PDB file of all heavy atoms in Angstrom:
ATOM      1  N   PRO A   1       4.893 -10.468  -3.098  1.00  0.00           N
ATOM      2  CA  PRO A   1       5.361  -9.290  -3.850  1.00  0.00           C
ATOM      3  C   PRO A   1       5.155  -7.991  -3.089  1.00  0.00           C
ATOM      4  O   PRO A   1       6.013  -7.092  -3.141  1.00  0.00           O
ATOM      5  CB  PRO A   1       4.522  -9.330  -5.131  1.00  0.00           C
ATOM      6  CG  PRO A   1       4.106 -10.750  -5.284  1.00  0.00           C
ATOM      7  CD  PRO A   1       3.904 -11.241  -3.886  1.00  0.00           C
ATOM      8  N   ALA A   2       4.029  -7.878  -2.377  1.00  0.00           N
ATOM      9  CA  ALA A   2       3.750  -6.650  -1.628  1.00  0.00           C
ATOM     10  C   ALA A   2       4.735  -6.468  -0.480  1.00  0.00           C
ATOM     11  O   ALA A   2       5.185  -5.343  -0.196  1.00  0.00           O
ATOM     12  CB  ALA A   2       2.316  -6.665  -1.111  1.00  0.00           C
ATOM     13  N   ILE A   3       5.083  -7.570   0.207  1.00  0.00           N
ATOM     14  CA  ILE A   3       6.064  -7.469   1.292  1.00  0.00           C
ATOM     15  C   ILE A   3       7.412  -7.036   0.750  1.00  0.00           C
ATOM     16  O   ILE A   3       8.070  -6.147   1.303  1.00  0.00           O
ATOM     17  CB  ILE A   3       6.189  -8.814   2.045  1.00  0.00           C
ATOM     18  CG1 ILE A   3       4.886  -9.163   2.757  1.00  0.00           C
ATOM     19  CG2 ILE A   3       7.324  -8.733   3.079  1.00  0.00           C
ATOM     20  CD1 ILE A   3       4.918 -10.521   3.447  1.00  0.00           C
ATOM     21  N   ARG A   4       7.842  -7.655  -0.352  1.00  0.00           N
ATOM     22  CA  ARG A   4       9.134  -7.296  -0.937  1.00  0.00           C
ATOM     23  C   ARG A   4       9.148  -5.832  -1.389  1.00  0.00           C
ATOM     24  O   ARG A   4      10.132  -5.122  -1.206  1.00  0.00           O
ATOM     25  CB  ARG A   4       9.462  -8.212  -2.124  1.00  0.00           C
ATOM     26  CG  ARG A   4       9.871  -9.622  -1.703  1.00  0.00           C
ATOM     27  CD  ARG A   4      10.454 -10.403  -2.878  1.00  0.00           C
ATOM     28  NE  ARG A   4      11.617  -9.735  -3.442  1.00  0.00           N
ATOM     29  CZ  ARG A   4      12.864  -9.859  -2.969  1.00  0.00           C
ATOM     30  NH1 ARG A   4      13.093 -10.623  -1.905  1.00  0.00           N
ATOM     31  NH2 ARG A   4      13.846  -9.230  -3.545  1.00  0.00           N
ATOM     32  N   SER A   5       8.035  -5.375  -1.947  1.00  0.00           N
ATOM     33  CA  SER A   5       7.953  -3.981  -2.395  1.00  0.00           C
ATOM     34  C   SER A   5       7.958  -3.020  -1.224  1.00  0.00           C
ATOM     35  O   SER A   5       8.624  -1.975  -1.258  1.00  0.00           O
ATOM     36  CB  SER A   5       6.686  -3.784  -3.237  1.00  0.00           C
ATOM     37  OG  SER A   5       6.528  -2.431  -3.593  1.00  0.00           O
ATOM     38  N   GLN A   6       7.233  -3.392  -0.161  1.00  0.00           N
ATOM     39  CA  GLN A   6       7.116  -2.500   0.990  1.00  0.00           C
ATOM     40  C   GLN A   6       8.416  -2.405   1.775  1.00  0.00           C
ATOM     41  O   GLN A   6       8.815  -1.338   2.218  1.00  0.00           O
ATOM     42  CB  GLN A   6       5.987  -2.988   1.903  1.00  0.00           C
ATOM     43  CG  GLN A   6       5.760  -2.121   3.135  1.00  0.00           C
ATOM     44  CD  GLN A   6       4.573  -2.616   3.960  1.00  0.00           C
ATOM     45  OE1 GLN A   6       3.714  -3.333   3.468  1.00  0.00           O
ATOM     46  NE2 GLN A   6       4.530  -2.227   5.221  1.00  0.00           N
ATOM     47  N   LEU A   7       9.110  -3.532   1.945  1.00  0.00           N
ATOM     48  CA  LEU A   7      10.323  -3.544   2.775  1.00  0.00           C
ATOM     49  C   LEU A   7      11.592  -3.273   1.966  1.00  0.00           C
ATOM     50  O   LEU A   7      12.572  -2.770   2.516  1.00  0.00           O
ATOM     51  CB  LEU A   7      10.434  -4.886   3.502  1.00  0.00           C
ATOM     52  CG  LEU A   7       9.281  -5.210   4.455  1.00  0.00           C
ATOM     53  CD1 LEU A   7       9.545  -6.532   5.169  1.00  0.00           C
ATOM     54  CD2 LEU A   7       9.064  -4.102   5.481  1.00  0.00           C
ATOM     55  N   ALA A   8      11.578  -3.619   0.699  1.00  0.00           N
ATOM     56  CA  ALA A   8      12.683  -3.300  -0.218  1.00  0.00           C
ATOM     57  C   ALA A   8      14.051  -3.625   0.383  1.00  0.00           C
ATOM     58  O   ALA A   8      14.308  -4.757   0.767  1.00  0.00           O
ATOM     59  CB  ALA A   8      12.596  -1.829  -0.624  1.00  0.00           C
ATOM     60  N   ASP A   9      14.918  -2.610   0.477  1.00  0.00           N
ATOM     61  CA  ASP A   9      16.298  -2.827   0.926  1.00  0.00           C
ATOM     62  C   ASP A   9      16.395  -3.307   2.370  1.00  0.00           C
ATOM     63  O   ASP A   9      17.419  -3.859   2.777  1.00  0.00           O
ATOM     64  CB  ASP A   9      17.102  -1.540   0.775  1.00  0.00           C
ATOM     65  CG  ASP A   9      17.354  -1.180  -0.685  1.00  0.00           C
ATOM     66  OD1 ASP A   9      17.198  -2.075  -1.540  1.00  0.00           O
ATOM     67  OD2 ASP A   9      17.684  -0.009  -0.958  1.00  0.00           O
ATOM     68  N   GLN A  10      15.335  -3.095   3.157  1.00  0.00           N
ATOM     69  CA  GLN A  10      15.369  -3.561   4.548  1.00  0.00           C
ATOM     70  C   GLN A  10      15.496  -5.075   4.621  1.00  0.00           C
ATOM     71  O   GLN A  10      16.051  -5.611   5.584  1.00  0.00           O
ATOM     72  CB  GLN A  10      14.103  -3.122   5.287  1.00  0.00           C
ATOM     73  CG  GLN A  10      13.942  -1.624   5.436  1.00  0.00           C
ATOM     74  CD  GLN A  10      12.669  -1.278   6.186  1.00  0.00           C
ATOM     75  OE1 GLN A  10      12.515  -1.618   7.357  1.00  0.00           O
ATOM     76  NE2 GLN A  10      11.749  -0.616   5.502  1.00  0.00           N
ATOM     77  N   LEU A  11      14.967  -5.772   3.612  1.00  0.00           N
ATOM     78  CA  LEU A  11      15.078  -7.225   3.593  1.00  0.00           C
ATOM     79  C   LEU A  11      16.513  -7.676   3.386  1.00  0.00           C
ATOM     80  O   LEU A  11      16.869  -8.815   3.690  1.00  0.00           O
ATOM     81  CB  LEU A  11      14.196  -7.811   2.490  1.00  0.00           C
ATOM     82  CG  LEU A  11      12.687  -7.824   2.768  1.00  0.00           C
ATOM     83  CD1 LEU A  11      11.926  -8.315   1.567  1.00  0.00           C
ATOM     84  CD2 LEU A  11      12.385  -8.675   3.996  1.00  0.00           C
ATOM     85  N   VAL A  12      17.354  -6.788   2.870  1.00  0.00           N
ATOM     86  CA  VAL A  12      18.772  -7.104   2.689  1.00  0.00           C
ATOM     87  C   VAL A  12      19.569  -6.671   3.912  1.00  0.00           C
ATOM     88  O   VAL A  12      20.410  -7.415   4.419  1.00  0.00           O
ATOM     89  CB  VAL A  12      19.327  -6.405   1.430  1.00  0.00           C
ATOM     90  CG1 VAL A  12      20.837  -6.675   1.301  1.00  0.00           C
ATOM     91  CG2 VAL A  12      18.592  -6.882   0.188  1.00  0.00           C
ATOM     92  N   ASP A  13      19.275  -5.461   4.398  1.00  0.00           N
ATOM     93  CA  ASP A  13      20.071  -4.899   5.493  1.00  0.00           C
ATOM     94  C   ASP A  13      19.691  -5.466   6.861  1.00  0.00           C
ATOM     95  O   ASP A  13      20.558  -5.880   7.631  1.00  0.00           O
ATOM     96  CB  ASP A  13      19.912  -3.374   5.511  1.00  0.00           C
ATOM     97  CG  ASP A  13      20.397  -2.730   4.229  1.00  0.00           C
ATOM     98  OD1 ASP A  13      21.293  -3.315   3.596  1.00  0.00           O
ATOM     99  OD2 ASP A  13      19.870  -1.664   3.860  1.00  0.00           O
ATOM    100  N   LYS A  14      18.371  -5.495   7.168  1.00  0.00           N
ATOM    101  CA  LYS A  14      17.899  -5.955   8.480  1.00  0.00           C
ATOM    102  C   LYS A  14      16.617  -6.757   8.307  1.00  0.00           C
ATOM    103  O   LYS A  14      15.532  -6.306   8.694  1.00  0.00           O
ATOM    104  CB  LYS A  14      17.662  -4.767   9.417  1.00  0.00           C
ATOM    105  CG  LYS A  14      18.928  -4.045   9.840  1.00  0.00           C
ATOM    106  CD  LYS A  14      18.619  -3.010  10.923  1.00  0.00           C
ATOM    107  CE  LYS A  14      19.892  -2.384  11.463  1.00  0.00           C
ATOM    108  NZ  LYS A  14      19.606  -1.405  12.550  1.00  0.00           N
ATOM    109  N   PRO A  15      16.714  -7.945   7.745  1.00  0.00           N
ATOM    110  CA  PRO A  15      15.495  -8.702   7.440  1.00  0.00           C
ATOM    111  C   PRO A  15      14.673  -9.072   8.676  1.00  0.00           C
ATOM    112  O   PRO A  15      13.443  -9.001   8.638  1.00  0.00           O
ATOM    113  CB  PRO A  15      16.011  -9.949   6.723  1.00  0.00           C
ATOM    114  CG  PRO A  15      17.456 -10.064   7.133  1.00  0.00           C
ATOM    115  CD  PRO A  15      17.923  -8.661   7.310  1.00  0.00           C
ATOM    116  N   LEU A  16      15.335  -9.474   9.764  1.00  0.00           N
ATOM    117  CA  LEU A  16      14.578  -9.855  10.961  1.00  0.00           C
ATOM    118  C   LEU A  16      13.853  -8.653  11.546  1.00  0.00           C
ATOM    119  O   LEU A  16      12.664  -8.726  11.887  1.00  0.00           O
ATOM    120  CB  LEU A  16      15.512 -10.467  12.019  1.00  0.00           C
ATOM    121  CG  LEU A  16      14.819 -10.842  13.330  1.00  0.00           C
ATOM    122  CD1 LEU A  16      13.749 -11.902  13.102  1.00  0.00           C
ATOM    123  CD2 LEU A  16      15.849 -11.322  14.365  1.00  0.00           C
ATOM    124  N   TYR A  17      14.561  -7.549  11.674  1.00  0.00           N
ATOM    125  CA  TYR A  17      13.964  -6.316  12.200  1.00  0.00           C
ATOM    126  C   TYR A  17      12.774  -5.897  11.340  1.00  0.00           C
ATOM    127  O   TYR A  17      11.693  -5.584  11.860  1.00  0.00           O
ATOM    128  CB  TYR A  17      15.026  -5.221  12.222  1.00  0.00           C
ATOM    129  CG  TYR A  17      14.551  -3.877  12.716  1.00  0.00           C
ATOM    130  CD1 TYR A  17      14.637  -3.537  14.057  1.00  0.00           C
ATOM    131  CD2 TYR A  17      14.015  -2.945  11.826  1.00  0.00           C
ATOM    132  CE1 TYR A  17      14.189  -2.303  14.513  1.00  0.00           C
ATOM    133  CE2 TYR A  17      13.569  -1.702  12.264  1.00  0.00           C
ATOM    134  CZ  TYR A  17      13.672  -1.392  13.612  1.00  0.00           C
ATOM    135  OH  TYR A  17      13.215  -0.168  14.049  1.00  0.00           O
ATOM    136  N   ALA A  18      12.953  -5.896  10.030  1.00  0.00           N
ATOM    137  CA  ALA A  18      11.903  -5.429   9.126  1.00  0.00           C
ATOM    138  C   ALA A  18      10.679  -6.338   9.160  1.00  0.00           C
ATOM    139  O   ALA A  18       9.535  -5.868   9.228  1.00  0.00           O
ATOM    140  CB  ALA A  18      12.456  -5.350   7.703  1.00  0.00           C
ATOM    141  N   LEU A  19      10.876  -7.659   9.122  1.00  0.00           N
ATOM    142  CA  LEU A  19       9.756  -8.593   9.124  1.00  0.00           C
ATOM    143  C   LEU A  19       9.017  -8.596  10.457  1.00  0.00           C
ATOM    144  O   LEU A  19       7.784  -8.681  10.492  1.00  0.00           O
ATOM    145  CB  LEU A  19      10.255 -10.005   8.816  1.00  0.00           C
ATOM    146  CG  LEU A  19      10.393 -10.395   7.345  1.00  0.00           C
ATOM    147  CD1 LEU A  19      10.919 -11.815   7.221  1.00  0.00           C
ATOM    148  CD2 LEU A  19       9.060 -10.260   6.629  1.00  0.00           C
ATOM    149  N   THR A  20       9.778  -8.522  11.558  1.00  0.00           N
ATOM    150  CA  THR A  20       9.142  -8.503  12.880  1.00  0.00           C
ATOM    151  C   THR A  20       8.250  -7.286  13.036  1.00  0.00           C
ATOM    152  O   THR A  20       7.100  -7.381  13.491  1.00  0.00           O
ATOM    153  CB  THR A  20      10.213  -8.524  13.989  1.00  0.00           C
ATOM    154  OG1 THR A  20      11.032  -9.682  13.851  1.00  0.00           O
ATOM    155  CG2 THR A  20       9.565  -8.539  15.368  1.00  0.00           C
ATOM    156  N   ARG A  21       8.762  -6.136  12.649  1.00  0.00           N
ATOM    157  CA  ARG A  21       7.974  -4.906  12.768  1.00  0.00           C
ATOM    158  C   ARG A  21       6.752  -4.947  11.841  1.00  0.00           C
ATOM    159  O   ARG A  21       5.674  -4.498  12.216  1.00  0.00           O
ATOM    160  CB  ARG A  21       8.848  -3.691  12.468  1.00  0.00           C
ATOM    161  CG  ARG A  21       8.174  -2.361  12.787  1.00  0.00           C
ATOM    162  CD  ARG A  21       9.158  -1.220  12.726  1.00  0.00           C
ATOM    163  NE  ARG A  21      10.136  -1.293  13.802  1.00  0.00           N
ATOM    164  CZ  ARG A  21       9.891  -0.918  15.051  1.00  0.00           C
ATOM    165  NH1 ARG A  21       8.696  -0.464  15.385  1.00  0.00           N
ATOM    166  NH2 ARG A  21      10.834  -0.986  15.961  1.00  0.00           N
ATOM    167  N   LEU A  22       6.919  -5.488  10.640  1.00  0.00           N
ATOM    168  CA  LEU A  22       5.787  -5.598   9.718  1.00  0.00           C
ATOM    169  C   LEU A  22       4.666  -6.436  10.335  1.00  0.00           C
ATOM    170  O   LEU A  22       3.481  -6.080  10.244  1.00  0.00           O
ATOM    171  CB  LEU A  22       6.245  -6.226   8.405  1.00  0.00           C
ATOM    172  CG  LEU A  22       5.126  -6.511   7.387  1.00  0.00           C
ATOM    173  CD1 LEU A  22       4.631  -5.203   6.767  1.00  0.00           C
ATOM    174  CD2 LEU A  22       5.611  -7.478   6.309  1.00  0.00           C
ATOM    175  N   CYS A  23       5.041  -7.544  10.961  1.00  0.00           N
ATOM    176  CA  CYS A  23       4.028  -8.409  11.584  1.00  0.00           C
ATOM    177  C   CYS A  23       3.284  -7.673  12.690  1.00  0.00           C
ATOM    178  O   CYS A  23       2.041  -7.697  12.739  1.00  0.00           O
ATOM    179  CB  CYS A  23       4.692  -9.669  12.136  1.00  0.00           C
ATOM    180  SG  CYS A  23       5.232 -10.842  10.866  1.00  0.00           S
ATOM    181  N   TRP A  24       4.017  -7.019  13.560  1.00  0.00           N
ATOM    182  CA  TRP A  24       3.368  -6.297  14.653  1.00  0.00           C
ATOM    183  C   TRP A  24       2.478  -5.179  14.118  1.00  0.00           C
ATOM    184  O   TRP A  24       1.394  -4.919  14.665  1.00  0.00           O
ATOM    185  CB  TRP A  24       4.424  -5.727  15.605  1.00  0.00           C
ATOM    186  CG  TRP A  24       4.926  -6.704  16.614  1.00  0.00           C
ATOM    187  CD1 TRP A  24       6.145  -7.308  16.638  1.00  0.00           C
ATOM    188  CD2 TRP A  24       4.222  -7.193  17.762  1.00  0.00           C
ATOM    189  NE1 TRP A  24       6.251  -8.142  17.728  1.00  0.00           N
ATOM    190  CE2 TRP A  24       5.090  -8.087  18.435  1.00  0.00           C
ATOM    191  CE3 TRP A  24       2.958  -6.966  18.284  1.00  0.00           C
ATOM    192  CZ2 TRP A  24       4.718  -8.755  19.601  1.00  0.00           C
ATOM    193  CZ3 TRP A  24       2.582  -7.629  19.456  1.00  0.00           C
ATOM    194  CH2 TRP A  24       3.453  -8.509  20.099  1.00  0.00           C
ATOM    195  N   GLN A  25       2.898  -4.514  13.067  1.00  0.00           N
ATOM    196  CA  GLN A  25       2.087  -3.432  12.502  1.00  0.00           C
ATOM    197  C   GLN A  25       0.772  -3.945  11.916  1.00  0.00           C
ATOM    198  O   GLN A  25      -0.186  -3.184  11.774  1.00  0.00           O
ATOM    199  CB  GLN A  25       2.890  -2.693  11.423  1.00  0.00           C
ATOM    200  CG  GLN A  25       4.017  -1.843  11.976  1.00  0.00           C
ATOM    201  CD  GLN A  25       4.939  -1.306  10.895  1.00  0.00           C
ATOM    202  OE1 GLN A  25       4.901  -1.758   9.742  1.00  0.00           O
ATOM    203  NE2 GLN A  25       5.778  -0.343  11.252  1.00  0.00           N
ATOM    204  N   HIS A  26       0.722  -5.234  11.617  1.00  0.00           N
ATOM    205  CA  HIS A  26      -0.509  -5.857  11.130  1.00  0.00           C
ATOM    206  C   HIS A  26      -1.227  -6.613  12.256  1.00  0.00           C
ATOM    207  O   HIS A  26      -2.157  -7.385  11.983  1.00  0.00           O
ATOM    208  CB  HIS A  26      -0.212  -6.802   9.964  1.00  0.00           C
ATOM    209  CG  HIS A  26       0.012  -6.095   8.665  1.00  0.00           C
ATOM    210  ND1 HIS A  26       1.184  -5.419   8.374  1.00  0.00           N
ATOM    211  CD2 HIS A  26      -0.780  -5.925   7.580  1.00  0.00           C
ATOM    212  CE1 HIS A  26       1.100  -4.877   7.173  1.00  0.00           C
ATOM    213  NE2 HIS A  26      -0.086  -5.166   6.666  1.00  0.00           N
ATOM    214  N   GLY A  27      -0.795  -6.396  13.491  1.00  0.00           N
ATOM    215  CA  GLY A  27      -1.459  -7.051  14.611  1.00  0.00           C
ATOM    216  C   GLY A  27      -1.172  -8.532  14.717  1.00  0.00           C
ATOM    217  O   GLY A  27      -1.979  -9.287  15.263  1.00  0.00           O
ATOM    218  N   VAL A  28      -0.019  -8.970  14.195  1.00  0.00           N
ATOM    219  CA  VAL A  28       0.402 -10.369  14.293  1.00  0.00           C
ATOM    220  C   VAL A  28       1.543 -10.444  15.306  1.00  0.00           C
ATOM    221  O   VAL A  28       2.681 -10.071  14.994  1.00  0.00           O
ATOM    222  CB  VAL A  28       0.869 -10.919  12.929  1.00  0.00           C
ATOM    223  CG1 VAL A  28       1.352 -12.364  13.074  1.00  0.00           C
ATOM    224  CG2 VAL A  28      -0.258 -10.826  11.911  1.00  0.00           C
ATOM    225  N   PRO A  29       1.283 -10.874  16.540  1.00  0.00           N
ATOM    226  CA  PRO A  29       2.327 -10.895  17.572  1.00  0.00           C
ATOM    227  C   PRO A  29       3.442 -11.883  17.255  1.00  0.00           C
ATOM    228  O   PRO A  29       3.195 -12.974  16.721  1.00  0.00           O
ATOM    229  CB  PRO A  29       1.560 -11.329  18.834  1.00  0.00           C
ATOM    230  CG  PRO A  29       0.128 -11.005  18.554  1.00  0.00           C
ATOM    231  CD  PRO A  29      -0.034 -11.242  17.077  1.00  0.00           C
ATOM    232  N   ILE A  30       4.661 -11.474  17.587  1.00  0.00           N
ATOM    233  CA  ILE A  30       5.838 -12.339  17.458  1.00  0.00           C
ATOM    234  C   ILE A  30       6.342 -12.628  18.859  1.00  0.00           C
ATOM    235  O   ILE A  30       6.754 -11.714  19.582  1.00  0.00           O
ATOM    236  CB  ILE A  30       6.948 -11.679  16.624  1.00  0.00           C
ATOM    237  CG1 ILE A  30       6.415 -11.254  15.252  1.00  0.00           C
ATOM    238  CG2 ILE A  30       8.132 -12.638  16.472  1.00  0.00           C
ATOM    239  CD1 ILE A  30       5.898 -12.387  14.410  1.00  0.00           C
ATOM    240  N   LEU A  31       6.315 -13.887  19.250  1.00  0.00           N
ATOM    241  CA  LEU A  31       6.703 -14.316  20.590  1.00  0.00           C
ATOM    242  C   LEU A  31       8.127 -14.858  20.565  1.00  0.00           C
ATOM    243  O   LEU A  31       8.365 -15.952  20.058  1.00  0.00           O
ATOM    244  CB  LEU A  31       5.720 -15.389  21.084  1.00  0.00           C
ATOM    245  CG  LEU A  31       6.063 -16.111  22.382  1.00  0.00           C
ATOM    246  CD1 LEU A  31       6.027 -15.145  23.568  1.00  0.00           C
ATOM    247  CD2 LEU A  31       5.090 -17.279  22.612  1.00  0.00           C
ATOM    248  N   PRO A  32       9.113 -14.119  21.121  1.00  0.00           N
ATOM    249  CA  PRO A  32      10.490 -14.631  21.176  1.00  0.00           C
ATOM    250  C   PRO A  32      10.704 -15.454  22.442  1.00  0.00           C
ATOM    251  O   PRO A  32      10.421 -14.988  23.549  1.00  0.00           O
ATOM    252  CB  PRO A  32      11.325 -13.347  21.200  1.00  0.00           C
ATOM    253  CG  PRO A  32      10.441 -12.335  21.883  1.00  0.00           C
ATOM    254  CD  PRO A  32       9.017 -12.729  21.613  1.00  0.00           C
ATOM    255  N   LEU A  33      11.200 -16.655  22.291  1.00  0.00           N
ATOM    256  CA  LEU A  33      11.405 -17.556  23.426  1.00  0.00           C
ATOM    257  C   LEU A  33      12.880 -17.919  23.543  1.00  0.00           C
ATOM    258  O   LEU A  33      13.591 -17.967  22.534  1.00  0.00           O
ATOM    259  CB  LEU A  33      10.563 -18.828  23.246  1.00  0.00           C
ATOM    260  CG  LEU A  33       9.048 -18.609  23.174  1.00  0.00           C
ATOM    261  CD1 LEU A  33       8.343 -19.861  22.673  1.00  0.00           C
ATOM    262  CD2 LEU A  33       8.509 -18.192  24.538  1.00  0.00           C
ATOM    263  N   SER A  34      13.312 -18.186  24.766  1.00  0.00           N
ATOM    264  CA  SER A  34      14.731 -18.480  24.973  1.00  0.00           C
ATOM    265  C   SER A  34      14.962 -19.815  25.665  1.00  0.00           C
ATOM    266  O   SER A  34      16.080 -20.117  26.065  1.00  0.00           O
ATOM    267  CB  SER A  34      15.386 -17.359  25.796  1.00  0.00           C
ATOM    268  OG  SER A  34      14.777 -17.243  27.071  1.00  0.00           O
TER     269      SER A  34
END
């Protein structure tokens, strides 16, 4: 509920961008691999 409240419309418009940034802001690294 807190994530949905904090990100709100971003979860509709840019969910990947919003979630990735949220993780990094909490010190949770996101490792993109190709």
